[in-house]
């Protein structure tokens, strides 16, 4: 097995960083939409309780 060049090492690290960033963004988007949905349900429930 030959030594990796500096550029190849940077590309490999960049790929790992990109995958990690993409995964974090995906999870973050999911968490944000779940949080938003929870907040909307919470707000609707509160407004119904206040009207009655």
N, C-alpha and C. Protein backbone atom coordinates (compact mmCIF):
# COMPACT_ATOMS: atom_id res chain seq x y z
N UNK A 1 0.84 -1.20 0.00
CA UNK A 1 0.00 0.00 0.00
C UNK A 1 0.88 1.25 0.00
N UNK A 2 0.56 2.17 -0.88
CA UNK A 2 1.39 3.38 -0.99
C UNK A 2 0.92 4.45 0.00
N UNK A 3 1.81 5.41 0.24
CA UNK A 3 1.48 6.53 1.13
C UNK A 3 0.44 7.43 0.45
N UNK A 4 -0.45 7.97 1.24
CA UNK A 4 -1.39 8.94 0.69
C UNK A 4 -0.70 10.29 0.56
N UNK A 5 -1.01 11.00 -0.52
CA UNK A 5 -0.46 12.35 -0.66
C UNK A 5 -1.25 13.30 0.24
N UNK A 6 -0.71 14.48 0.42
CA UNK A 6 -1.37 15.48 1.27
C UNK A 6 -2.75 15.82 0.73
N UNK A 7 -2.85 15.97 -0.59
CA UNK A 7 -4.13 16.32 -1.21
C UNK A 7 -5.15 15.22 -0.97
N UNK A 8 -4.73 13.97 -1.12
CA UNK A 8 -5.64 12.85 -0.89
C UNK A 8 -6.11 12.80 0.56
N UNK A 9 -5.20 13.10 1.48
CA UNK A 9 -5.57 13.14 2.90
C UNK A 9 -6.61 14.23 3.15
N UNK A 10 -6.39 15.40 2.55
CA UNK A 10 -7.33 16.51 2.71
C UNK A 10 -8.69 16.15 2.11
N UNK A 11 -8.68 15.48 0.97
CA UNK A 11 -9.94 15.07 0.35
C UNK A 11 -10.68 14.07 1.22
N UNK A 12 -9.94 13.14 1.81
CA UNK A 12 -10.55 12.14 2.68
C UNK A 12 -11.16 12.81 3.91
N UNK A 13 -10.40 13.73 4.52
CA UNK A 13 -10.90 14.46 5.68
C UNK A 13 -12.11 15.31 5.29
N UNK A 14 -12.03 15.97 4.15
CA UNK A 14 -13.13 16.79 3.66
C UNK A 14 -14.39 15.96 3.47
N UNK A 15 -14.23 14.75 2.95
CA UNK A 15 -15.37 13.86 2.76
C UNK A 15 -16.01 13.49 4.08
N UNK A 16 -15.19 13.18 5.07
CA UNK A 16 -15.71 12.82 6.40
C UNK A 16 -16.43 14.01 7.01
N UNK A 17 -15.82 15.19 6.91
CA UNK A 17 -16.43 16.40 7.45
C UNK A 17 -17.75 16.68 6.75
N UNK A 18 -17.78 16.52 5.43
CA UNK A 18 -19.00 16.76 4.66
C UNK A 18 -20.11 15.81 5.09
N UNK A 19 -19.79 14.53 5.23
CA UNK A 19 -20.79 13.54 5.65
C UNK A 19 -21.30 13.87 7.04
N UNK A 20 -20.38 14.22 7.95
CA UNK A 20 -20.78 14.56 9.32
C UNK A 20 -21.66 15.81 9.31
N UNK A 21 -21.29 16.80 8.51
CA UNK A 21 -22.05 18.05 8.42
C UNK A 21 -23.43 17.78 7.84
N UNK A 22 -23.48 16.95 6.78
CA UNK A 22 -24.75 16.61 6.14
C UNK A 22 -25.66 15.88 7.11
N UNK A 23 -25.09 14.92 7.86
CA UNK A 23 -25.88 14.17 8.85
C UNK A 23 -26.40 15.10 9.93
N UNK A 24 -25.56 16.01 10.40
CA UNK A 24 -25.97 16.96 11.44
C UNK A 24 -27.08 17.88 10.92
N UNK A 25 -26.94 18.33 9.69
CA UNK A 25 -27.96 19.20 9.10
C UNK A 25 -29.28 18.45 8.94
N UNK A 26 -29.20 17.18 8.53
CA UNK A 26 -30.39 16.35 8.34
C UNK A 26 -31.11 16.15 9.67
N UNK A 27 -30.35 15.77 10.70
CA UNK A 27 -30.92 15.56 12.03
C UNK A 27 -31.46 16.88 12.58
N UNK A 28 -30.72 17.97 12.37
CA UNK A 28 -31.14 19.28 12.83
C UNK A 28 -32.45 19.71 12.19
N UNK A 29 -32.59 19.46 10.90
CA UNK A 29 -33.83 19.80 10.19
C UNK A 29 -34.99 19.00 10.74
N UNK A 30 -34.74 17.70 10.97
CA UNK A 30 -35.78 16.83 11.52
C UNK A 30 -36.20 17.31 12.91
N UNK A 31 -35.21 17.63 13.74
CA UNK A 31 -35.48 18.10 15.10
C UNK A 31 -36.25 19.41 15.08
N UNK A 32 -35.87 20.31 14.18
CA UNK A 32 -36.55 21.61 14.07
C UNK A 32 -38.00 21.43 13.65
N UNK A 33 -38.26 20.57 12.67
CA UNK A 33 -39.64 20.37 12.22
C UNK A 33 -40.46 19.66 13.29
N UNK A 34 -39.85 18.73 14.01
CA UNK A 34 -40.55 18.06 15.11
C UNK A 34 -40.85 19.05 16.22
N UNK A 35 -39.89 19.90 16.54
CA UNK A 35 -40.09 20.93 17.56
C UNK A 35 -41.16 21.92 17.15
N UNK A 36 -41.17 22.29 15.88
CA UNK A 36 -42.18 23.23 15.38
C UNK A 36 -43.57 22.62 15.46
N UNK A 37 -43.68 21.34 15.06
CA UNK A 37 -44.97 20.65 15.12
C UNK A 37 -45.45 20.55 16.56
N UNK A 38 -44.54 20.23 17.47
CA UNK A 38 -44.88 20.14 18.89
C UNK A 38 -45.36 21.50 19.39
N UNK A 39 -44.64 22.55 19.02
CA UNK A 39 -45.00 23.91 19.44
C UNK A 39 -46.37 24.31 18.91
N UNK A 40 -46.66 23.94 17.67
CA UNK A 40 -47.95 24.28 17.06
C UNK A 40 -49.09 23.57 17.79
N UNK A 41 -48.90 22.29 18.07
CA UNK A 41 -49.92 21.51 18.80
C UNK A 41 -50.12 22.09 20.19
N UNK A 42 -49.01 22.42 20.84
CA UNK A 42 -49.06 23.01 22.18
C UNK A 42 -49.84 24.32 22.17
N UNK A 43 -49.56 25.17 21.18
CA UNK A 43 -50.23 26.47 21.07
C UNK A 43 -51.72 26.29 20.81
N UNK A 44 -52.07 25.34 19.94
CA UNK A 44 -53.49 25.09 19.63
C UNK A 44 -54.21 24.59 20.87
N UNK A 45 -53.56 23.71 21.61
CA UNK A 45 -54.18 23.16 22.83
C UNK A 45 -54.40 24.27 23.84
N UNK A 46 -53.41 25.14 23.99
CA UNK A 46 -53.53 26.25 24.94
C UNK A 46 -54.66 27.18 24.55
N UNK A 47 -54.75 27.54 23.26
CA UNK A 47 -55.78 28.48 22.82
C UNK A 47 -57.17 27.87 23.01
N UNK A 48 -57.32 26.58 22.79
CA UNK A 48 -58.61 25.92 23.02
C UNK A 48 -58.99 25.98 24.49
N UNK A 49 -58.01 25.74 25.36
CA UNK A 49 -58.27 25.76 26.80
C UNK A 49 -58.63 27.16 27.27
N UNK A 50 -58.03 28.19 26.68
CA UNK A 50 -58.30 29.57 27.09
C UNK A 50 -59.68 30.01 26.64
N UNK A 51 -60.14 29.53 25.49
CA UNK A 51 -61.46 29.93 24.97
C UNK A 51 -62.56 29.38 25.86
N UNK A 52 -62.43 28.13 26.27
CA UNK A 52 -63.48 27.49 27.09
C UNK A 52 -63.54 28.08 28.48
